[in-house]
C-alpha atoms as a PDB file:
ATOM      1  CA  MET A   1      -1.430  10.321 -61.440  1.00  0.00           C
ATOM      2  CA  SER A   2      -1.162  12.964 -64.117  1.00  0.00           C
ATOM      3  CA  ALA A   3       0.018  16.522 -64.611  1.00  0.00           C
ATOM      4  CA  ASN A   4      -0.541  19.203 -67.239  1.00  0.00           C
ATOM      5  CA  VAL A   5       2.075  21.774 -68.279  1.00  0.00           C
ATOM      6  CA  GLU A   6      -0.722  23.962 -69.688  1.00  0.00           C
ATOM      7  CA  ARG A   7      -2.227  24.238 -66.181  1.00  0.00           C
ATOM      8  CA  PRO A   8       0.862  24.339 -63.952  1.00  0.00           C
ATOM      9  CA  GLU A   9       0.663  24.339 -60.179  1.00  0.00           C
ATOM     10  CA  PHE A  10       3.721  26.480 -59.459  1.00  0.00           C
ATOM     11  CA  GLU A  11       5.461  26.357 -56.070  1.00  0.00           C
ATOM     12  CA  ASP A  12       5.472  29.420 -53.846  1.00  0.00           C
ATOM     13  CA  ASN A  13       8.726  31.216 -54.566  1.00  0.00           C
ATOM     14  CA  SER A  14       8.168  34.376 -52.531  1.00  0.00           C
ATOM     15  CA  GLU A  15      11.272  33.679 -50.411  1.00  0.00           C
ATOM     16  CA  ARG A  16      13.662  33.502 -53.375  1.00  0.00           C
ATOM     17  CA  PRO A  17      16.205  36.331 -53.660  1.00  0.00           C
ATOM     18  CA  GLU A  18      15.922  38.951 -56.380  1.00  0.00           C
ATOM     19  CA  GLY A  19      17.524  37.728 -59.570  1.00  0.00           C
ATOM     20  CA  PHE A  20      16.230  34.176 -58.958  1.00  0.00           C
ATOM     21  CA  ARG A  21      12.473  34.743 -58.869  1.00  0.00           C
ATOM     22  CA  SER A  22      11.530  32.000 -61.271  1.00  0.00           C
ATOM     23  CA  ARG A  23       8.495  29.768 -60.920  1.00  0.00           C
ATOM     24  CA  ARG A  24       8.735  25.968 -60.885  1.00  0.00           C
ATOM     25  CA  TYR A  25       6.190  23.197 -61.277  1.00  0.00           C
ATOM     26  CA  ARG A  26       7.584  19.749 -60.419  1.00  0.00           C
ATOM     27  CA  VAL A  27       5.626  18.027 -63.128  1.00  0.00           C
ATOM     28  CA  GLY A  28       7.456  14.693 -62.707  1.00  0.00           C
ATOM     29  CA  ILE A  29       6.374  14.393 -59.087  1.00  0.00           C
ATOM     30  CA  ALA A  30       2.841  15.512 -59.947  1.00  0.00           C
ATOM     31  CA  ALA A  31       2.697  12.804 -62.631  1.00  0.00           C
ATOM     32  CA  GLY A  32       3.974  10.158 -60.197  1.00  0.00           C
ATOM     33  CA  ALA A  33       7.466   9.624 -61.669  1.00  0.00           C
ATOM     34  CA  GLN A  34       9.799   7.639 -59.409  1.00  0.00           C
ATOM     35  CA  LYS A  35      13.159   7.683 -61.247  1.00  0.00           C
ATOM     36  CA  LEU A  36      12.795  10.790 -63.443  1.00  0.00           C
ATOM     37  CA  GLY A  37      12.775  14.421 -62.483  1.00  0.00           C
ATOM     38  CA  ALA A  38      10.845  16.897 -64.645  1.00  0.00           C
ATOM     39  CA  SER A  39      10.137  20.528 -63.893  1.00  0.00           C
ATOM     40  CA  LEU A  40       8.402  23.280 -65.827  1.00  0.00           C
ATOM     41  CA  TRP A  41      10.218  26.563 -65.225  1.00  0.00           C
ATOM     42  CA  GLU A  42       8.879  30.048 -65.928  1.00  0.00           C
ATOM     43  CA  LEU A  43      11.349  32.936 -65.939  1.00  0.00           C
ATOM     44  CA  PRO A  44      10.191  36.552 -65.873  1.00  0.00           C
ATOM     45  CA  PRO A  45      12.401  39.119 -67.633  1.00  0.00           C
ATOM     46  CA  GLY A  46      15.705  39.739 -65.832  1.00  0.00           C
ATOM     47  CA  GLU A  47      15.577  36.597 -63.682  1.00  0.00           C
ATOM     48  CA  ALA A  48      17.589  33.363 -63.539  1.00  0.00           C
ATOM     49  CA  ALA A  49      16.225  29.900 -62.814  1.00  0.00           C
ATOM     50  CA  TYR A  50      19.190  29.030 -60.573  1.00  0.00           C
ATOM     51  CA  PRO A  51      22.886  29.842 -60.046  1.00  0.00           C
ATOM     52  CA  TYR A  52      25.541  28.414 -62.364  1.00  0.00           C
ATOM     53  CA  HIS A  53      26.142  24.815 -61.223  1.00  0.00           C
ATOM     54  CA  TRP A  54      26.995  21.249 -62.197  1.00  0.00           C
ATOM     55  CA  HIS A  55      25.880  17.861 -60.887  1.00  0.00           C
ATOM     56  CA  PHE A  56      27.792  14.849 -59.580  1.00  0.00           C
ATOM     57  CA  LEU A  57      24.969  12.322 -60.068  1.00  0.00           C
ATOM     58  CA  GLU A  58      22.212  13.560 -62.359  1.00  0.00           C
ATOM     59  CA  GLU A  59      22.242  14.194 -66.078  1.00  0.00           C
ATOM     60  CA  GLU A  60      19.881  16.941 -67.238  1.00  0.00           C
ATOM     61  CA  LEU A  61      18.058  17.899 -70.439  1.00  0.00           C
ATOM     62  CA  VAL A  62      16.318  21.226 -71.153  1.00  0.00           C
ATOM     63  CA  VAL A  63      13.619  21.856 -73.772  1.00  0.00           C
ATOM     64  CA  VAL A  64      12.830  25.535 -74.482  1.00  0.00           C
ATOM     65  CA  LEU A  65       9.037  25.866 -74.745  1.00  0.00           C
ATOM     66  CA  ALA A  66       8.670  29.648 -75.054  1.00  0.00           C
ATOM     67  CA  GLY A  67      11.005  32.598 -75.388  1.00  0.00           C
ATOM     68  CA  ALA A  68      14.765  32.812 -75.859  1.00  0.00           C
ATOM     69  CA  PRO A  69      16.736  32.229 -72.648  1.00  0.00           C
ATOM     70  CA  SER A  70      20.472  32.813 -72.324  1.00  0.00           C
ATOM     71  CA  LEU A  71      22.485  29.720 -71.476  1.00  0.00           C
ATOM     72  CA  ARG A  72      25.788  29.784 -69.617  1.00  0.00           C
ATOM     73  CA  THR A  73      28.044  26.717 -69.928  1.00  0.00           C
ATOM     74  CA  PRO A  74      31.794  26.193 -69.437  1.00  0.00           C
ATOM     75  CA  ALA A  75      32.168  27.427 -73.053  1.00  0.00           C
ATOM     76  CA  GLY A  76      30.495  30.770 -72.213  1.00  0.00           C
ATOM     77  CA  TRP A  77      27.115  32.350 -72.949  1.00  0.00           C
ATOM     78  CA  ARG A  78      24.813  31.760 -75.903  1.00  0.00           C
ATOM     79  CA  GLU A  79      21.172  32.398 -76.734  1.00  0.00           C
ATOM     80  CA  LEU A  80      18.740  29.501 -77.062  1.00  0.00           C
ATOM     81  CA  GLU A  81      15.671  29.551 -79.259  1.00  0.00           C
ATOM     82  CA  GLN A  82      12.177  28.192 -78.811  1.00  0.00           C
ATOM     83  CA  GLY A  83      12.145  24.446 -79.450  1.00  0.00           C
ATOM     84  CA  GLU A  84      15.868  23.995 -78.792  1.00  0.00           C
ATOM     85  CA  VAL A  85      16.941  20.992 -76.714  1.00  0.00           C
ATOM     86  CA  VAL A  86      20.248  20.977 -74.798  1.00  0.00           C
ATOM     87  CA  SER A  87      21.761  18.383 -72.482  1.00  0.00           C
ATOM     88  CA  PHE A  88      24.104  18.692 -69.521  1.00  0.00           C
ATOM     89  CA  PRO A  89      26.215  15.661 -68.640  1.00  0.00           C
ATOM     90  CA  VAL A  90      27.383  14.811 -65.143  1.00  0.00           C
ATOM     91  CA  GLY A  91      30.529  16.661 -64.072  1.00  0.00           C
ATOM     92  CA  GLU A  92      32.080  20.073 -64.679  1.00  0.00           C
ATOM     93  CA  GLU A  93      31.543  19.838 -68.436  1.00  0.00           C
ATOM     94  CA  GLY A  94      27.795  19.853 -67.688  1.00  0.00           C
ATOM     95  CA  GLY A  95      27.851  23.195 -65.856  1.00  0.00           C
ATOM     96  CA  HIS A  96      24.858  25.367 -66.728  1.00  0.00           C
ATOM     97  CA  GLN A  97      22.633  28.301 -65.881  1.00  0.00           C
ATOM     98  CA  LEU A  98      19.564  29.700 -67.658  1.00  0.00           C
ATOM     99  CA  VAL A  99      18.769  33.422 -67.499  1.00  0.00           C
ATOM    100  CA  ASN A 100      16.036  35.473 -69.146  1.00  0.00           C
ATOM    101  CA  ARG A 101      17.685  38.573 -70.668  1.00  0.00           C
ATOM    102  CA  THR A 102      14.650  39.374 -72.834  1.00  0.00           C
ATOM    103  CA  ALA A 103      11.487  41.416 -72.254  1.00  0.00           C
ATOM    104  CA  ASP A 104       9.266  38.324 -72.583  1.00  0.00           C
ATOM    105  CA  THR A 105       8.575  35.466 -70.174  1.00  0.00           C
ATOM    106  CA  VAL A 106      10.602  32.310 -70.843  1.00  0.00           C
ATOM    107  CA  ARG A 107       9.340  28.757 -70.237  1.00  0.00           C
ATOM    108  CA  PHE A 108      11.378  25.582 -70.346  1.00  0.00           C
ATOM    109  CA  LEU A 109      11.037  21.968 -69.323  1.00  0.00           C
ATOM    110  CA  SER A 110      13.945  20.435 -67.419  1.00  0.00           C
ATOM    111  CA  ILE A 111      14.198  16.639 -67.339  1.00  0.00           C
ATOM    112  CA  SER A 112      16.750  14.726 -65.285  1.00  0.00           C
ATOM    113  CA  SER A 113      17.673  11.325 -64.014  1.00  0.00           C
ATOM    114  CA  ASP A 114      16.637  11.055 -60.374  1.00  0.00           C
ATOM    115  CA  SER A 115      19.209   9.247 -58.267  1.00  0.00           C
ATOM    116  CA  GLY A 116      17.273   9.789 -55.044  1.00  0.00           C
ATOM    117  CA  GLY A 117      19.782  12.393 -53.912  1.00  0.00           C
ATOM    118  CA  GLU A 118      22.227  14.812 -55.468  1.00  0.00           C
ATOM    119  CA  ILE A 119      25.438  16.718 -54.940  1.00  0.00           C
ATOM    120  CA  ALA A 120      25.798  19.950 -56.883  1.00  0.00           C
ATOM    121  CA  VAL A 121      28.739  22.342 -57.144  1.00  0.00           C
ATOM    122  CA  TYR A 122      28.161  26.114 -57.359  1.00  0.00           C
ATOM    123  CA  PRO A 123      31.551  27.435 -58.572  1.00  0.00           C
ATOM    124  CA  ASP A 124      30.683  31.167 -58.479  1.00  0.00           C
ATOM    125  CA  SER A 125      29.924  31.120 -54.756  1.00  0.00           C
ATOM    126  CA  GLY A 126      32.342  28.315 -53.831  1.00  0.00           C
ATOM    127  CA  LYS A 127      29.508  26.218 -52.395  1.00  0.00           C
ATOM    128  CA  LEU A 128      28.468  22.585 -52.498  1.00  0.00           C
ATOM    129  CA  GLY A 129      24.850  21.448 -52.180  1.00  0.00           C
ATOM    130  CA  ILE A 130      23.841  18.078 -50.759  1.00  0.00           C
ATOM    131  CA  TYR A 131      20.256  17.071 -51.416  1.00  0.00           C
ATOM    132  CA  GLY A 132      18.201  14.123 -50.193  1.00  0.00           C
ATOM    133  CA  GLU A 133      15.198  12.549 -51.834  1.00  0.00           C
ATOM    134  CA  ARG A 134      12.644  14.767 -53.512  1.00  0.00           C
ATOM    135  CA  PRO A 135      11.290  18.074 -52.183  1.00  0.00           C
ATOM    136  CA  GLY A 136      11.174  18.257 -48.421  1.00  0.00           C
ATOM    137  CA  GLY A 137      14.110  15.891 -48.024  1.00  0.00           C
ATOM    138  CA  PHE A 138      17.582  16.526 -46.636  1.00  0.00           C
ATOM    139  CA  ARG A 139      19.113  19.773 -47.951  1.00  0.00           C
ATOM    140  CA  GLU A 140      22.414  21.394 -46.973  1.00  0.00           C
ATOM    141  CA  ILE A 141      24.664  23.970 -48.611  1.00  0.00           C
ATOM    142  CA  HIS A 142      28.333  24.136 -47.544  1.00  0.00           C
ATOM    143  CA  ARG A 143      31.203  26.452 -48.360  1.00  0.00           C
ATOM    144  CA  ARG A 144      33.854  24.382 -50.097  1.00  0.00           C
ATOM    145  CA  SER A 145      36.587  26.403 -48.359  1.00  0.00           C
ATOM    146  CA  ASP A 146      35.433  24.878 -45.040  1.00  0.00           C
ATOM    147  CA  ALA A 147      36.044  21.326 -46.280  1.00  0.00           C
ATOM    148  CA  VAL A 148      38.810  19.231 -44.792  1.00  0.00           C
ATOM    149  CA  ASP A 149      40.889  16.949 -47.009  1.00  0.00           C
ATOM    150  CA  TYR A 150      41.173  13.727 -44.997  1.00  0.00           C
ATOM    151  CA  TRP A 151      43.784  12.402 -47.398  1.00  0.00           C
ATOM    152  CA  ASP A 152      46.364  14.920 -46.184  1.00  0.00           C
ATOM    153  CA  GLY A 153      47.193  12.848 -43.093  1.00  0.00           C
ATOM    154  CA  GLU A 154      44.817  14.732 -40.812  1.00  0.00           C
ATOM    155  CA  THR A 155      42.683  12.695 -38.419  1.00  0.00           C
ATOM    156  CA  PRO A 156      38.965  13.135 -39.096  1.00  0.00           C
ATOM    157  CA  PRO A 157      36.933  14.698 -36.283  1.00  0.00           C
ATOM    158  CA  SER A 158      34.911  12.235 -34.216  1.00  0.00           C
END
């Protein structure tokens, strides 16, 4: 199997909310990767690829291919430049979001370890995402405020 980032086959994103109308090509899947995730992202002006988040299981690396996206991390915001490579470790210290604040389209390649599933925390909305294997797999988003701490002596529901 093979893929080509110069001829991307972007997913339909017509259902995405305003502010998150990016385009994504899962180039790793198209190329047949089993243990690596790789996606080509295209961000129009004024849009974000995804909400600010961090991962429990997967490390991520971003390579800026075109344009100058804004990067949010736990340290704050900064501008990236074409050709820049940044990594996001597992855990809160790896929190990140990419936004296009320019008038030009931004493109970047995101590469990650693929654990077969993932748990991601979205601190701004107080949500937790649980994801199964690859696209089309199990996918749930929960409000963290609804969680029960079973270590507080409470009996878990049956």
